[in-house]
Amino acid sequence: MSTKLCPKIILEGTRLTLKTEIAFSLNEHPRLVGPRRYRYHSPLISAEWCAFTNFPWGRGLINFEPQEAALALETYQTWVRLFELQKYYSWIIDRFHISTRAYQLAAHQADYDFTWLEQRLLPLGFHLVFLSRSPDSFQAARAARLQVSGNPSQYDDLEKFIVEQKLMQRLVAASALPSLTVDISDNQIPAAVEKIVDWLEQTGGLTMD
């Protein structure tokens, strides 16, 4: 019987760092998920889903208001329990608790302690990938995104992303999860994906004991 692939990846980074595009590419990479002869439902989730409000681009697990903190923390508890119950499956997460901490610190000066979360993610084999880009590359990334975005105003203030990236870099460095920083300034998604898969392979992040 072949070894079962069940990688668990958290992709973090500010906007315009191609997290979603890389998540989709990872989820079809044969070294990560095995050869696929047909497409099927992918275990790809995101804390960026605006599931707390009944209107587009509303609030969710990252940008919740202070009065919604209990709801957000219960959602995190639910996600991690689901991961524990299905630990022999692959999970790719497009933004998670690092994004929550960064947003809440900047918007509400509230620092939520996710030590408990990481302590439960560690035994499951979760690996953290931080996607970043150089400050001077944000403008070109914005121009490309505006061609497809349904909410272009969210990309008006590039300085906000640069500041957030610095904060997230600090939070990733303090994380207990094994982490890798990938520079995506050149927008080369295939190269970034190969670097991530190589790292997971080298660190045992593709399988569980």
Foldseek 3Di string as FASTA:
>chain_A
DDFAFAFEEEEDAFPLLCLVVLLVVLQQDCLQHNHDPDDDDTQEEEQQPQPPDDDPPHHGLAQDDPVCVVVNVVVLVVVLVVCVVVLSHYHYYHDDDLSNQLNCCVPPVDGDDCPVSLVSVVLSLYEYEYGEEDLVLLVVSLVVVVVPDPDSVVSPDSVVRVVSRVSSVVVVVPGPHHYYYDYCSVVPSVVRSVVVSVVCVVVVRGHHD
